[in-house]
Amino acid sequence: MLALKRLYPLIACSGIAVAVVAMIVGQVASAPRPDALDLTIGEYAAVEGSGATELAMASLAIASLALVAGLRAARAPLGTMVERLMLVWSAALTVMALVPAGVPGSAPGLTDRMHGYASVVVFFALPAAGALMVTRLGEDERWRAVARPVEWLALACGFGLVAVTYVALPGDRMLIGLAERALLVAEIALVAVLAVRLAHLNRVRGAARASRAALG
C-alpha cells in the first residue's frame, strides 16, 4: 500500500504530461482548418480524427484520479467538497474521452448531448474546486508555497469560464474553441501545480524516512 501511495504523484504528473503532448499533437499535427477556433474541443476531435484529443482527455482523467488519491493519502487540506468536485471533473473528462461529439452541422444525437453535458461539468467543476481550496492551502505550512499560484490559476479559470459562457450563449459561438482551450489550459496548469507539489512533498518525506532508517 505504501508503494502505491508513492506512485500516485508519478501517475498524476505523467498523466498530465501525456495529456499536454497529446493535446498539442491533436491541434498541430492534424490538417489545419480555417474554422478550428470556432469549433468546440469535442467538435474538433470529431473532425480531426486522430484520437489525440480523446487520449488527452482520458490521460487527464486518470491523472486527476491519481492526484485525488495522492492528496488524500498525504492528508492535503482540501476538504470533502473539493475532492468530490475533482472526482466529478475526472468522471466528466472520461465521458468526453469515450463519448464522441457530433460532427459540426449534423443533427445532435444522444452521444452529442452527453458529450456536451460532460464538457459543461468539466468547465465548471475545477474552477469551483480551485476557488474552494485556496484558503485551506494557505493555512497549511506544507502547501502554503502553492497557495498563491493556485489562487491565480483559479482566478484565470473563473475568467475563462465567464468567457466560455459568454461565447456559448450571446456570443453566437464565435471563437468558442479558443475560449475552451484557454480555460482547459488554466485547468491543466492548476492540477499540474498540485501534482508537482505532491511529488515534492513525497520526495522530501521519502528522504526523511531514509535518513531516519540510516541513523537507526
Protein backbone atom coordinates (compact mmCIF):
# COMPACT_ATOMS: atom_id res chain seq x y z
CA MET A 1 0.00 0.00 0.00
CA LEU A 2 2.88 2.35 0.81
CA ALA A 3 4.43 1.68 -2.60
CA LEU A 4 1.12 2.53 -4.27
CA LYS A 5 0.91 5.81 -2.37
CA ARG A 6 4.36 6.71 -3.66
CA LEU A 7 3.19 6.04 -7.21
CA TYR A 8 0.25 8.45 -7.08
CA PRO A 9 2.34 11.60 -7.76
CA LEU A 10 4.21 9.84 -10.58
CA ILE A 11 0.97 8.71 -12.21
CA ALA A 12 -0.53 12.18 -11.82
CA CYS A 13 2.48 14.03 -13.26
CA SER A 14 2.94 11.51 -16.08
CA GLY A 15 -0.74 11.61 -16.99
CA ILE A 16 -0.73 15.39 -17.15
CA ALA A 17 2.40 15.37 -19.33
CA VAL A 18 0.88 12.82 -21.71
CA ALA A 19 -2.31 14.88 -21.89
CA VAL A 20 -0.41 18.05 -22.79
CA VAL A 21 1.61 16.30 -25.51
CA ALA A 22 -1.47 14.58 -26.93
CA MET A 23 -3.41 17.83 -26.97
CA ILE A 24 -0.60 19.59 -28.83
CA VAL A 25 -0.37 16.72 -31.32
CA GLY A 26 -4.11 16.84 -31.89
CA GLN A 27 -4.01 20.58 -32.54
CA VAL A 28 -0.80 20.84 -34.56
CA ALA A 29 -0.22 17.56 -36.37
CA SER A 30 -3.64 17.35 -38.00
CA ALA A 31 -4.62 19.14 -41.18
CA PRO A 32 -5.37 22.79 -40.31
CA ARG A 33 -8.97 24.01 -40.58
CA PRO A 34 -9.82 27.68 -41.08
CA ASP A 35 -12.73 27.35 -38.62
CA ALA A 36 -10.80 25.42 -35.93
CA LEU A 37 -11.16 28.15 -33.31
CA ASP A 38 -14.93 28.24 -33.87
CA LEU A 39 -15.26 24.52 -33.07
CA THR A 40 -15.55 23.20 -29.53
CA ILE A 41 -12.85 20.81 -28.35
CA GLY A 42 -15.23 17.88 -28.89
CA GLU A 43 -16.24 19.01 -32.38
CA TYR A 44 -12.62 19.48 -33.35
CA ALA A 45 -11.82 15.98 -32.09
CA ALA A 46 -14.65 14.58 -34.22
CA VAL A 47 -13.38 16.15 -37.44
CA GLU A 48 -9.67 15.81 -36.63
CA GLY A 49 -9.99 12.06 -36.29
CA SER A 50 -6.56 11.08 -34.94
CA GLY A 51 -7.78 10.24 -31.44
CA ALA A 52 -5.15 12.50 -29.88
CA THR A 53 -7.71 14.75 -28.19
CA GLU A 54 -9.58 11.76 -26.76
CA LEU A 55 -6.28 10.38 -25.47
CA ALA A 56 -5.55 13.70 -23.82
CA MET A 57 -8.92 13.70 -22.04
CA ALA A 58 -8.51 10.09 -20.87
CA SER A 59 -4.96 10.68 -19.65
CA LEU A 60 -6.03 13.80 -17.80
CA ALA A 61 -8.88 11.87 -16.16
CA ILE A 62 -6.50 9.16 -14.92
CA ALA A 63 -4.05 11.79 -13.70
CA SER A 64 -6.83 13.53 -11.80
CA LEU A 65 -7.92 10.31 -10.10
CA ALA A 66 -4.34 9.57 -9.06
CA LEU A 67 -3.94 13.15 -7.86
CA VAL A 68 -7.04 12.98 -5.66
CA ALA A 69 -5.88 9.65 -4.22
CA GLY A 70 -2.40 11.06 -3.59
CA LEU A 71 -3.73 14.24 -2.00
CA ARG A 72 -5.98 12.20 0.26
CA ALA A 73 -3.11 9.89 1.24
CA ALA A 74 -0.94 12.92 2.01
CA ARG A 75 -3.78 14.47 4.02
CA ALA A 76 -3.75 17.61 1.94
CA PRO A 77 -6.06 20.31 3.35
CA LEU A 78 -8.64 20.25 0.58
CA GLY A 79 -11.89 19.18 2.18
CA THR A 80 -14.56 16.75 1.04
CA MET A 81 -16.26 19.12 -1.39
CA VAL A 82 -13.03 19.86 -3.27
CA GLU A 83 -12.26 16.15 -3.56
CA ARG A 84 -15.76 15.47 -4.87
CA LEU A 85 -15.53 18.26 -7.43
CA MET A 86 -12.19 16.92 -8.66
CA LEU A 87 -13.65 13.41 -8.92
CA VAL A 88 -16.63 14.79 -10.86
CA TRP A 89 -14.16 16.62 -13.13
CA SER A 90 -12.32 13.36 -13.75
CA ALA A 91 -15.55 11.49 -14.48
CA ALA A 92 -16.68 14.17 -16.94
CA LEU A 93 -13.30 14.03 -18.69
CA THR A 94 -13.74 10.27 -19.05
CA VAL A 95 -17.14 10.79 -20.67
CA MET A 96 -15.65 13.34 -23.05
CA ALA A 97 -12.94 10.84 -23.99
CA LEU A 98 -15.27 7.88 -24.52
CA VAL A 99 -18.42 9.53 -25.90
CA PRO A 100 -17.77 11.32 -29.20
CA ALA A 101 -19.22 14.70 -30.05
CA GLY A 102 -21.19 15.10 -33.24
CA VAL A 103 -19.63 16.39 -36.43
CA PRO A 104 -20.38 20.12 -36.86
CA GLY A 105 -23.54 20.66 -38.88
CA SER A 106 -25.10 17.28 -38.07
CA ALA A 107 -28.27 16.88 -36.04
CA PRO A 108 -27.43 16.45 -32.35
CA GLY A 109 -27.90 12.90 -31.11
CA LEU A 110 -27.78 11.29 -27.68
CA THR A 111 -24.00 10.92 -27.62
CA ASP A 112 -23.58 14.51 -28.76
CA ARG A 113 -25.77 15.74 -25.89
CA MET A 114 -23.91 13.53 -23.39
CA HIS A 115 -20.61 14.94 -24.59
CA GLY A 116 -21.98 18.47 -24.30
CA TYR A 117 -23.21 17.94 -20.74
CA ALA A 118 -19.86 16.42 -19.77
CA SER A 119 -17.97 19.40 -21.19
CA VAL A 120 -20.15 21.77 -19.14
CA VAL A 121 -19.26 19.81 -16.00
CA VAL A 122 -15.54 19.85 -16.92
CA PHE A 123 -15.54 23.61 -17.35
CA PHE A 124 -17.46 24.30 -14.12
CA ALA A 125 -16.17 21.72 -11.63
CA LEU A 126 -12.46 22.52 -11.46
CA PRO A 127 -12.78 26.34 -11.22
CA ALA A 128 -15.16 25.77 -8.30
CA ALA A 129 -12.70 23.34 -6.67
CA GLY A 130 -9.84 25.79 -7.17
CA ALA A 131 -11.76 28.62 -5.55
CA LEU A 132 -12.64 26.45 -2.54
CA MET A 133 -9.14 25.11 -1.91
CA VAL A 134 -7.18 28.39 -1.92
CA THR A 135 -7.80 29.38 1.70
CA ARG A 136 -7.18 25.87 3.01
CA LEU A 137 -3.85 25.61 1.19
CA GLY A 138 -2.70 28.93 2.59
CA GLU A 139 -3.39 27.74 6.15
CA ASP A 140 -1.21 24.62 5.82
CA GLU A 141 2.56 25.07 6.05
CA ARG A 142 3.24 22.20 3.64
CA TRP A 143 1.00 23.64 0.92
CA ARG A 144 1.41 27.37 1.54
CA ALA A 145 4.02 27.61 -1.24
CA VAL A 146 1.42 26.79 -3.91
CA ALA A 147 -1.49 28.71 -2.41
CA ARG A 148 -0.77 31.86 -4.43
CA PRO A 149 -0.22 30.06 -7.78
CA VAL A 150 -3.42 28.09 -7.20
CA GLU A 151 -5.23 31.34 -6.38
CA TRP A 152 -4.10 32.98 -9.64
CA LEU A 153 -4.93 29.88 -11.67
CA ALA A 154 -8.34 29.58 -10.02
CA LEU A 155 -8.94 33.22 -10.93
CA ALA A 156 -7.84 32.51 -14.52
CA CYS A 157 -10.24 29.56 -14.61
CA GLY A 158 -13.01 31.84 -13.40
CA PHE A 159 -12.35 34.38 -16.15
CA GLY A 160 -12.12 31.54 -18.67
CA LEU A 161 -15.46 30.16 -17.52
CA VAL A 162 -17.07 33.57 -17.95
CA ALA A 163 -15.58 33.82 -21.45
CA VAL A 164 -16.80 30.35 -22.46
CA THR A 165 -20.28 31.08 -21.08
CA TYR A 166 -20.49 34.39 -22.95
CA VAL A 167 -19.23 32.94 -26.22
CA ALA A 168 -21.56 29.91 -25.97
CA LEU A 169 -24.69 31.99 -25.31
CA PRO A 170 -24.86 35.61 -26.55
CA GLY A 171 -21.60 35.38 -28.50
CA ASP A 172 -23.02 33.04 -31.20
CA ARG A 173 -20.16 30.56 -30.55
CA MET A 174 -17.61 32.79 -32.26
CA LEU A 175 -14.12 31.67 -31.17
CA ILE A 176 -15.64 29.17 -28.74
CA GLY A 177 -12.78 26.79 -29.47
CA LEU A 178 -10.25 29.40 -28.42
CA ALA A 179 -12.16 30.13 -25.20
CA GLU A 180 -12.48 26.44 -24.32
CA ARG A 181 -8.82 25.75 -24.98
CA ALA A 182 -7.72 28.72 -22.86
CA LEU A 183 -9.89 27.54 -19.98
CA LEU A 184 -8.64 23.96 -20.30
CA VAL A 185 -5.01 25.17 -20.27
CA ALA A 186 -5.68 27.02 -16.99
CA GLU A 187 -7.33 23.91 -15.52
CA ILE A 188 -4.43 21.68 -16.55
CA ALA A 189 -1.98 24.17 -15.03
CA LEU A 190 -3.92 24.12 -11.77
CA VAL A 191 -3.83 20.33 -11.38
CA ALA A 192 -0.20 20.31 -12.53
CA VAL A 193 0.79 22.69 -9.71
CA LEU A 194 -0.89 20.40 -7.19
CA ALA A 195 0.70 17.27 -8.70
CA VAL A 196 4.21 18.75 -8.70
CA ARG A 197 3.84 19.91 -5.09
CA LEU A 198 2.57 16.46 -4.08
CA ALA A 199 5.57 14.84 -5.79
CA HIS A 200 7.93 17.23 -4.00
CA LEU A 201 6.40 16.53 -0.58
CA ASN A 202 6.55 12.79 -1.19
CA ARG A 203 10.21 13.05 -2.17
CA VAL A 204 11.02 15.07 0.95
CA ARG A 205 9.10 12.63 3.12
CA GLY A 206 10.90 9.68 1.50
CA ALA A 207 14.31 11.28 2.04
CA ALA A 208 13.50 11.95 5.69
CA ARG A 209 12.37 8.35 6.14
CA ALA A 210 15.56 7.03 4.55
CA SER A 211 17.65 9.32 6.76
CA ARG A 212 15.93 8.07 9.90
CA ALA A 213 16.43 4.46 8.78
CA ALA A 214 20.14 5.09 8.18
CA LEU A 215 20.57 6.68 11.61
CA GLY A 216 18.64 3.89 13.29
